[in-house]
Amino acid sequence: MMKVVLFLLLLYRLMKLCTAWGSNIYTLHVDNGADIQSQSRVLVTGAAGRTGRLVFEKLKKDIYFEPIALVRTERSARNLIKSCDLCGLEHVFVCDVVKDLNFDEPPEELEGIDSMIICTSAVPILSKRSLFSALLKIPVNLIRRRKLVDFRSLRFKFKEKQNPEQIDFGGQVAQINLAKRLKMKKSCNCQFNGSD
């Protein structure tokens, strides 16, 4: 319960930060003296996950932002387009943050982006063997009047080439280097390990 409250509090702070960016919209001056406000383009990495999807949808509803979602696979892109209203193919960029961000010339879809919100994280998977073992111990724990399930005995693992060192460190270094190459004005790291 405490983790959920902490997650919601951090998400609320992130949303306040995102809405505070609305005050930084730049104004173009036209020769006839009229001011035209333009949308700030924001790259949301990890937009297929829980946190990234919430951030992407929040920015999509705000008229001051034009969010671009960066997802790992085409399947994730299709799921995001289906689930998010007002999201088309032009708002999604498919790229693996570990392997594909090391290009010499950035793609034209990523040009003109003002800021980036990094929501990528390695996602742990519950080991089936540890879950099965914990379930088998329930009758014995019931007889001994102990806790039915010892949650500390559960073990987690990561998919191949998606462990925290590669995604949380290597991937974020690549994303920050991308932000430097694209000369982005702002970068925000929003990471909740294991929330996706």
Protein backbone atom coordinates (compact mmCIF):
# COMPACT_ATOMS: atom_id res chain seq x y z
CA MET A 1 0.00 0.00 0.00
CA MET A 2 2.85 2.36 0.86
CA LYS A 3 4.48 1.78 -2.54
CA VAL A 4 1.24 2.69 -4.31
CA VAL A 5 0.92 5.92 -2.33
CA LEU A 6 4.56 6.80 -3.02
CA PHE A 7 4.11 6.02 -6.72
CA LEU A 8 1.02 8.24 -6.95
CA LEU A 9 2.77 11.06 -5.09
CA LEU A 10 5.76 10.94 -7.43
CA LEU A 11 3.49 10.75 -10.46
CA TYR A 12 1.57 13.80 -9.19
CA ARG A 13 4.84 15.71 -8.83
CA LEU A 14 5.84 14.73 -12.37
CA MET A 15 2.50 15.92 -13.72
CA LYS A 16 2.94 19.24 -11.91
CA LEU A 17 6.37 19.50 -13.50
CA CYS A 18 4.92 18.74 -16.93
CA THR A 19 2.20 21.36 -16.55
CA ALA A 20 4.79 23.86 -15.31
CA TRP A 21 6.56 23.44 -18.65
CA GLY A 22 3.47 25.00 -20.26
CA SER A 23 4.70 28.41 -19.12
CA ASN A 24 7.88 27.97 -21.19
CA ILE A 25 6.15 28.03 -24.57
CA TYR A 26 8.11 30.19 -26.89
CA THR A 27 6.48 32.87 -29.02
CA LEU A 28 7.21 33.48 -32.68
CA HIS A 29 7.10 37.12 -33.79
CA VAL A 30 5.59 37.69 -37.20
CA ASP A 31 6.19 40.81 -39.30
CA ASN A 32 2.60 42.03 -38.91
CA GLY A 33 3.00 42.18 -35.11
CA ALA A 34 0.76 39.19 -34.26
CA ASP A 35 2.12 36.61 -31.78
CA ILE A 36 1.72 32.94 -32.63
CA GLN A 37 2.34 30.38 -29.93
CA SER A 38 3.73 27.03 -31.02
CA GLN A 39 3.61 23.69 -29.28
CA SER A 40 6.63 22.38 -27.45
CA ARG A 41 7.68 18.96 -28.84
CA VAL A 42 8.42 16.45 -26.07
CA LEU A 43 9.97 13.00 -26.54
CA VAL A 44 8.61 10.46 -24.04
CA THR A 45 10.85 7.38 -23.94
CA GLY A 46 9.38 4.15 -22.62
CA ALA A 47 5.89 5.30 -23.60
CA ALA A 48 4.62 1.72 -23.86
CA GLY A 49 5.09 1.12 -20.13
CA ARG A 50 2.75 2.18 -17.34
CA THR A 51 4.53 5.36 -16.30
CA GLY A 52 5.47 6.38 -19.84
CA ARG A 53 1.94 5.83 -21.09
CA LEU A 54 0.48 7.99 -18.29
CA VAL A 55 2.95 10.78 -19.05
CA PHE A 56 2.35 10.50 -22.82
CA GLU A 57 -1.45 10.59 -22.46
CA LYS A 58 -1.26 13.56 -20.07
CA LEU A 59 0.92 15.51 -22.51
CA LYS A 60 -1.29 14.49 -25.45
CA LYS A 61 -4.32 16.10 -23.79
CA ASP A 62 -2.45 19.36 -23.15
CA ILE A 63 -2.67 21.86 -26.04
CA TYR A 64 0.79 23.25 -25.27
CA PHE A 65 2.65 20.02 -26.07
CA GLU A 66 3.16 17.76 -29.03
CA PRO A 67 4.46 14.51 -27.49
CA ILE A 68 6.39 11.93 -29.48
CA ALA A 69 6.40 8.40 -28.02
CA LEU A 70 9.57 6.32 -28.25
CA VAL A 71 8.82 2.59 -27.88
CA ARG A 72 11.00 -0.52 -28.23
CA THR A 73 8.94 -2.69 -30.59
CA GLU A 74 6.35 -2.32 -33.33
CA ARG A 75 3.95 -4.39 -31.23
CA SER A 76 4.24 -1.83 -28.43
CA ALA A 77 3.64 0.94 -30.97
CA ARG A 78 0.44 -0.74 -32.22
CA ASN A 79 -0.82 -1.23 -28.66
CA LEU A 80 -0.10 2.40 -27.80
CA ILE A 81 -1.91 3.67 -30.90
CA LYS A 82 -4.94 1.48 -30.13
CA SER A 83 -5.19 2.47 -26.47
CA CYS A 84 -4.43 6.19 -26.70
CA ASP A 85 -6.98 8.59 -28.16
CA LEU A 86 -5.72 11.09 -30.73
CA CYS A 87 -2.51 9.13 -31.23
CA GLY A 88 -1.43 8.36 -34.75
CA LEU A 89 1.57 6.77 -36.36
CA GLU A 90 3.24 10.19 -36.68
CA HIS A 91 3.38 10.43 -32.86
CA VAL A 92 5.24 7.12 -32.34
CA PHE A 93 8.90 6.34 -33.01
CA VAL A 94 10.11 2.71 -32.75
CA CYS A 95 13.64 2.39 -31.43
CA ASP A 96 15.55 0.27 -28.90
CA VAL A 97 17.22 2.64 -26.43
CA VAL A 98 20.20 0.36 -25.92
CA LYS A 99 21.05 -0.53 -29.52
CA ASP A 100 19.46 1.96 -31.91
CA LEU A 101 20.20 5.39 -30.41
CA ASN A 102 23.83 5.43 -31.54
CA PHE A 103 23.31 6.90 -35.03
CA ASP A 104 25.37 9.60 -36.73
CA GLU A 105 22.50 11.51 -38.33
CA PRO A 106 19.32 11.70 -36.20
CA PRO A 107 16.09 10.71 -37.98
CA GLU A 108 13.88 13.54 -39.17
CA GLU A 109 11.10 12.42 -36.78
CA LEU A 110 13.30 13.43 -33.85
CA GLU A 111 14.38 16.82 -35.16
CA GLY A 112 12.91 19.89 -33.50
CA ILE A 113 12.24 18.20 -30.16
CA ASP A 114 12.57 20.64 -27.26
CA SER A 115 12.66 18.28 -24.28
CA MET A 116 12.66 14.65 -23.25
CA ILE A 117 11.06 12.69 -20.42
CA ILE A 118 12.89 9.41 -19.76
CA CYS A 119 10.48 6.73 -18.51
CA THR A 120 12.43 3.61 -19.45
CA SER A 121 13.26 1.00 -16.85
CA ALA A 122 14.11 -2.68 -16.68
CA VAL A 123 11.04 -4.71 -15.73
CA PRO A 124 11.52 -7.64 -13.33
CA ILE A 125 9.63 -10.88 -13.95
CA LEU A 126 8.58 -13.17 -11.13
CA SER A 127 10.39 -16.50 -11.28
CA LYS A 128 7.81 -19.28 -11.75
CA ARG A 129 9.94 -21.70 -9.77
CA SER A 130 10.00 -19.45 -6.68
CA LEU A 131 6.25 -18.83 -6.97
CA PHE A 132 5.55 -22.57 -7.23
CA SER A 133 7.79 -23.25 -4.23
CA ALA A 134 6.01 -20.56 -2.18
CA LEU A 135 2.60 -22.00 -3.08
CA LEU A 136 3.72 -25.50 -2.06
CA LYS A 137 4.76 -24.22 1.38
CA ILE A 138 1.32 -22.75 2.16
CA PRO A 139 -0.13 -25.91 3.80
CA VAL A 140 2.98 -26.38 5.94
CA ASN A 141 2.93 -22.72 7.00
CA LEU A 142 -0.77 -23.00 7.80
CA ILE A 143 -0.14 -25.95 10.13
CA ARG A 144 2.80 -24.17 11.79
CA ARG A 145 0.72 -20.97 12.15
CA ARG A 146 3.17 -18.86 10.20
CA LYS A 147 2.57 -16.42 7.40
CA LEU A 148 1.02 -18.31 4.52
CA VAL A 149 3.38 -16.86 1.92
CA ASP A 150 6.89 -15.63 2.65
CA PHE A 151 7.22 -12.88 0.06
CA ARG A 152 10.94 -12.57 0.74
CA SER A 153 11.45 -16.02 -0.75
CA LEU A 154 10.10 -14.92 -4.14
CA ARG A 155 12.80 -14.39 -6.76
CA PHE A 156 12.77 -12.17 -9.80
CA LYS A 157 14.66 -12.23 -13.07
CA PHE A 158 14.93 -10.10 -16.20
CA LYS A 159 14.48 -10.87 -19.88
CA GLU A 160 17.64 -11.43 -21.88
CA LYS A 161 19.48 -8.17 -22.67
CA GLN A 162 16.98 -6.20 -20.57
CA ASN A 163 18.61 -6.20 -17.16
CA PRO A 164 18.94 -2.98 -15.11
CA GLU A 165 22.58 -2.42 -16.05
CA GLN A 166 21.73 -2.37 -19.75
CA ILE A 167 18.38 -0.53 -19.63
CA ASP A 168 18.64 1.73 -16.59
CA PHE A 169 22.29 2.67 -17.04
CA GLY A 170 23.34 2.03 -20.65
CA GLY A 171 19.98 3.01 -22.10
CA GLN A 172 19.76 6.22 -20.12
CA VAL A 173 23.30 7.22 -21.03
CA ALA A 174 22.36 6.73 -24.71
CA GLN A 175 19.16 8.78 -24.23
CA ILE A 176 21.02 11.63 -22.52
CA ASN A 177 23.62 11.61 -25.31
CA LEU A 178 20.75 11.78 -27.82
CA ALA A 179 19.34 14.80 -25.98
CA LYS A 180 22.75 16.47 -26.20
CA ARG A 181 23.09 15.72 -29.94
CA LEU A 182 19.58 17.06 -30.65
CA LYS A 183 20.31 20.12 -28.46
CA MET A 184 17.23 19.61 -26.32
CA LYS A 185 16.50 22.32 -23.77
CA LYS A 186 15.26 20.05 -20.98
CA SER A 187 15.51 16.44 -19.89
CA CYS A 188 13.58 14.81 -17.04
CA ASN A 189 14.33 11.36 -15.64
CA CYS A 190 11.17 9.67 -14.36
CA GLN A 191 11.98 6.13 -13.29
CA PHE A 192 10.09 3.77 -11.03
CA ASN A 193 11.94 0.45 -10.98
CA GLY A 194 9.60 -2.47 -11.36
CA SER A 195 6.49 -0.36 -11.91
CA ASP A 196 5.98 -1.49 -15.48
